Every structure is written in structure tokens, then in C-alpha cells.
C-alpha atoms as a PDB file:
ATOM      1  CA  UNK A   1      -4.290 -17.764 -22.937  1.00  0.00           C
ATOM      2  CA  UNK A   2      -6.756 -17.256 -25.245  1.00  0.00           C
ATOM      3  CA  UNK A   3      -5.567 -16.146 -28.822  1.00  0.00           C
ATOM      4  CA  UNK A   4      -5.209 -12.687 -29.029  1.00  0.00           C
ATOM      5  CA  UNK A   5      -5.200 -11.578 -25.563  1.00  0.00           C
ATOM      6  CA  UNK A   6      -2.413 -10.112 -24.084  1.00  0.00           C
ATOM      7  CA  UNK A   7      -0.849 -10.850 -20.896  1.00  0.00           C
ATOM      8  CA  UNK A   8      -0.464  -8.233 -18.430  1.00  0.00           C
ATOM      9  CA  UNK A   9       2.383  -7.973 -15.732  1.00  0.00           C
ATOM     10  CA  UNK A  10       1.470  -8.590 -12.261  1.00  0.00           C
ATOM     11  CA  UNK A  11       0.659  -5.554 -10.252  1.00  0.00           C
ATOM     12  CA  UNK A  12       3.532  -4.895  -8.131  1.00  0.00           C
ATOM     13  CA  UNK A  13       2.835  -3.163  -4.473  1.00  0.00           C
ATOM     14  CA  UNK A  14       5.531  -1.657  -2.572  1.00  0.00           C
ATOM     15  CA  UNK A  15       4.926  -0.390   0.878  1.00  0.00           C
ATOM     16  CA  UNK A  16       7.453   1.285   2.823  1.00  0.00           C
ATOM     17  CA  UNK A  17       6.678   1.666   6.632  1.00  0.00           C
ATOM     18  CA  UNK A  18       8.617   2.924   9.560  1.00  0.00           C
ATOM     19  CA  UNK A  19       9.307   0.479  12.665  1.00  0.00           C
ATOM     20  CA  UNK A  20      11.069   1.354  16.079  1.00  0.00           C
ATOM     21  CA  UNK A  21      10.617  -0.743  19.137  1.00  0.00           C
ATOM     22  CA  UNK A  22       9.631   1.883  21.232  1.00  0.00           C
ATOM     23  CA  UNK A  23       6.264   1.922  23.354  1.00  0.00           C
ATOM     24  CA  UNK A  24       3.638   4.581  22.315  1.00  0.00           C
ATOM     25  CA  UNK A  25       5.497   5.345  19.130  1.00  0.00           C
ATOM     26  CA  UNK A  26       3.274   4.898  15.998  1.00  0.00           C
ATOM     27  CA  UNK A  27       5.059   2.022  14.333  1.00  0.00           C
ATOM     28  CA  UNK A  28       3.486   1.018  10.995  1.00  0.00           C
ATOM     29  CA  UNK A  29       4.502  -2.180  10.572  1.00  0.00           C
ATOM     30  CA  UNK A  30       1.043  -3.933  11.721  1.00  0.00           C
ATOM     31  CA  UNK A  31      -0.774  -1.506   9.130  1.00  0.00           C
ATOM     32  CA  UNK A  32       1.481  -2.876   6.516  1.00  0.00           C
ATOM     33  CA  UNK A  33       0.994  -6.405   7.123  1.00  0.00           C
ATOM     34  CA  UNK A  34      -2.852  -5.968   7.338  1.00  0.00           C
ATOM     35  CA  UNK A  35      -2.887  -4.055   4.074  1.00  0.00           C
ATOM     36  CA  UNK A  36      -0.674  -6.679   2.403  1.00  0.00           C
ATOM     37  CA  UNK A  37      -2.898  -9.316   3.548  1.00  0.00           C
ATOM     38  CA  UNK A  38      -6.045  -7.714   2.203  1.00  0.00           C
ATOM     39  CA  UNK A  39      -4.353  -6.909  -1.259  1.00  0.00           C
ATOM     40  CA  UNK A  40      -3.040 -10.796  -1.385  1.00  0.00           C
ATOM     41  CA  UNK A  41      -6.354 -12.261  -0.104  1.00  0.00           C
ATOM     42  CA  UNK A  42      -8.721 -10.081  -2.897  1.00  0.00           C
ATOM     43  CA  UNK A  43      -5.830 -10.182  -5.868  1.00  0.00           C
ATOM     44  CA  UNK A  44      -3.482 -13.033  -5.235  1.00  0.00           C
ATOM     45  CA  UNK A  45      -1.628 -12.510  -8.319  1.00  0.00           C
ATOM     46  CA  UNK A  46      -0.353  -9.145  -7.010  1.00  0.00           C
ATOM     47  CA  UNK A  47       3.057  -8.906  -5.655  1.00  0.00           C
ATOM     48  CA  UNK A  48       3.171  -7.199  -2.613  1.00  0.00           C
ATOM     49  CA  UNK A  49       6.321  -6.198  -0.596  1.00  0.00           C
ATOM     50  CA  UNK A  50       6.530  -4.622   2.943  1.00  0.00           C
ATOM     51  CA  UNK A  51       9.877  -3.007   3.728  1.00  0.00           C
ATOM     52  CA  UNK A  52      11.125  -0.783   6.567  1.00  0.00           C
ATOM     53  CA  UNK A  53      11.975   2.890   5.434  1.00  0.00           C
ATOM     54  CA  UNK A  54      12.142   6.253   6.480  1.00  0.00           C
ATOM     55  CA  UNK A  55      11.038   7.728   9.709  1.00  0.00           C
ATOM     56  CA  UNK A  56       7.427   8.318  10.260  1.00  0.00           C
ATOM     57  CA  UNK A  57       6.927   6.767   6.604  1.00  0.00           C
ATOM     58  CA  UNK A  58       3.973   4.607   5.268  1.00  0.00           C
ATOM     59  CA  UNK A  59       4.405   5.196   1.588  1.00  0.00           C
ATOM     60  CA  UNK A  60       2.350   2.992  -1.120  1.00  0.00           C
ATOM     61  CA  UNK A  61       3.476   2.572  -4.648  1.00  0.00           C
ATOM     62  CA  UNK A  62       1.620   0.542  -7.430  1.00  0.00           C
ATOM     63  CA  UNK A  63       3.831  -0.292 -10.249  1.00  0.00           C
ATOM     64  CA  UNK A  64       6.196   2.377  -9.194  1.00  0.00           C
ATOM     65  CA  UNK A  65       3.089   5.060  -8.792  1.00  0.00           C
ATOM     66  CA  UNK A  66       3.074   6.504  -5.575  1.00  0.00           C
ATOM     67  CA  UNK A  67      -0.670   6.546  -4.532  1.00  0.00           C
ATOM     68  CA  UNK A  68      -0.245   7.565  -0.752  1.00  0.00           C
ATOM     69  CA  UNK A  69       2.395   9.213   1.070  1.00  0.00           C
ATOM     70  CA  UNK A  70       2.094   9.276   5.092  1.00  0.00           C
ATOM     71  CA  UNK A  71       4.867  11.438   4.899  1.00  0.00           C
ATOM     72  CA  UNK A  72       2.754  13.982   3.103  1.00  0.00           C
ATOM     73  CA  UNK A  73      -0.517  13.658   4.540  1.00  0.00           C
ATOM     74  CA  UNK A  74       0.178  12.391   8.249  1.00  0.00           C
ATOM     75  CA  UNK A  75      -2.336  10.003   7.692  1.00  0.00           C
ATOM     76  CA  UNK A  76      -2.572   6.234   6.533  1.00  0.00           C
ATOM     77  CA  UNK A  77      -4.430   5.248   3.220  1.00  0.00           C
ATOM     78  CA  UNK A  78      -7.930   3.982   2.957  1.00  0.00           C
ATOM     79  CA  UNK A  79      -7.134   0.104   2.255  1.00  0.00           C
ATOM     80  CA  UNK A  80     -10.194  -0.373   0.120  1.00  0.00           C
ATOM     81  CA  UNK A  81      -9.283   2.220  -2.306  1.00  0.00           C
ATOM     82  CA  UNK A  82      -5.367   0.892  -2.138  1.00  0.00           C
ATOM     83  CA  UNK A  83      -7.136  -2.544  -3.252  1.00  0.00           C
ATOM     84  CA  UNK A  84      -9.388  -0.964  -5.800  1.00  0.00           C
ATOM     85  CA  UNK A  85      -6.009   0.484  -7.196  1.00  0.00           C
ATOM     86  CA  UNK A  86      -4.192  -2.417  -7.233  1.00  0.00           C
ATOM     87  CA  UNK A  87      -7.382  -3.977  -9.066  1.00  0.00           C
ATOM     88  CA  UNK A  88      -6.970  -1.223 -11.706  1.00  0.00           C
ATOM     89  CA  UNK A  89      -3.345  -2.066 -12.115  1.00  0.00           C
ATOM     90  CA  UNK A  90      -3.962  -5.561 -12.803  1.00  0.00           C
ATOM     91  CA  UNK A  91      -6.629  -4.859 -15.577  1.00  0.00           C
ATOM     92  CA  UNK A  92      -4.358  -2.206 -17.307  1.00  0.00           C
ATOM     93  CA  UNK A  93      -6.092   0.884 -15.786  1.00  0.00           C
ATOM     94  CA  UNK A  94      -4.730   4.165 -14.267  1.00  0.00           C
ATOM     95  CA  UNK A  95      -4.164   4.102 -10.684  1.00  0.00           C
ATOM     96  CA  UNK A  96      -4.860   7.462  -8.415  1.00  0.00           C
ATOM     97  CA  UNK A  97      -4.030   9.017  -5.170  1.00  0.00           C
ATOM     98  CA  UNK A  98      -6.170   7.091  -2.457  1.00  0.00           C
ATOM     99  CA  UNK A  99      -8.034   8.907   0.293  1.00  0.00           C
ATOM    100  CA  UNK A 100      -6.740   9.130   3.985  1.00  0.00           C
ATOM    101  CA  UNK A 101      -7.860   7.724   7.150  1.00  0.00           C
ATOM    102  CA  UNK A 102      -7.014   9.601  10.438  1.00  0.00           C
ATOM    103  CA  UNK A 103      -4.436   8.088  12.913  1.00  0.00           C
ATOM    104  CA  UNK A 104      -6.017   7.861  16.222  1.00  0.00           C
ATOM    105  CA  UNK A 105      -4.273   5.145  18.008  1.00  0.00           C
ATOM    106  CA  UNK A 106      -0.691   6.320  18.176  1.00  0.00           C
ATOM    107  CA  UNK A 107       1.669   9.120  18.681  1.00  0.00           C
ATOM    108  CA  UNK A 108       3.198  10.507  15.589  1.00  0.00           C
ATOM    109  CA  UNK A 109       7.095  10.795  15.408  1.00  0.00           C
END
């Protein structure tokens, strides 16, 4: 690292998703895996964790800041905005709430 440059911690992304093995129920594990892969592809130094959580959840936190809540919005986040927030975190910039994209292919529980 060049002299005088400060090493920033790796951005950490925690995605809580809901999964139940029932047909026609909105499981969000595939969306979690898709978003995690997109983040890892574009920001390889990011630490991304997908973990099962509360019923109906798809909660995205970047460095302990909640940027999306499906429990509050009944929608998934716009992935490109999540990725931009991870870039911001990596670069030492603030992160912000992301826009939602509607859920169109499952039954909400």
C-alpha cells in the first residue's frame, strides 16, 4: 500500500432471507444467491453472507446499516443499487436505502 494511504475495511453485506420448502410460496433463497453472486462478481473484496431468517424476510445490511427491508416494503431491492451501495462502503462513502422492485412471480406469505 502506498505511504499515507489508509487501508479501509472490506465491506460486509449480510442478507437475511426466508426459505420454506413449500410450492407456490415466495422463497427468497434464489434471490439471495443471485444478489450475492452479483456483488462478489463486481466487488470481489466484499464479504457477503446469505442466512435464513424471519418469515417473509429479505433484509440487506451493509456494514450494519439496513439498506433494504422486504418486511417493511413487501418488495425485493433493486440489485444494481445494492451493488452501488457496496461500492460506496468500500470507498468510505455513506450507504443509503435502495429502491424496491416489485415481486411478480410468487405468493407472499
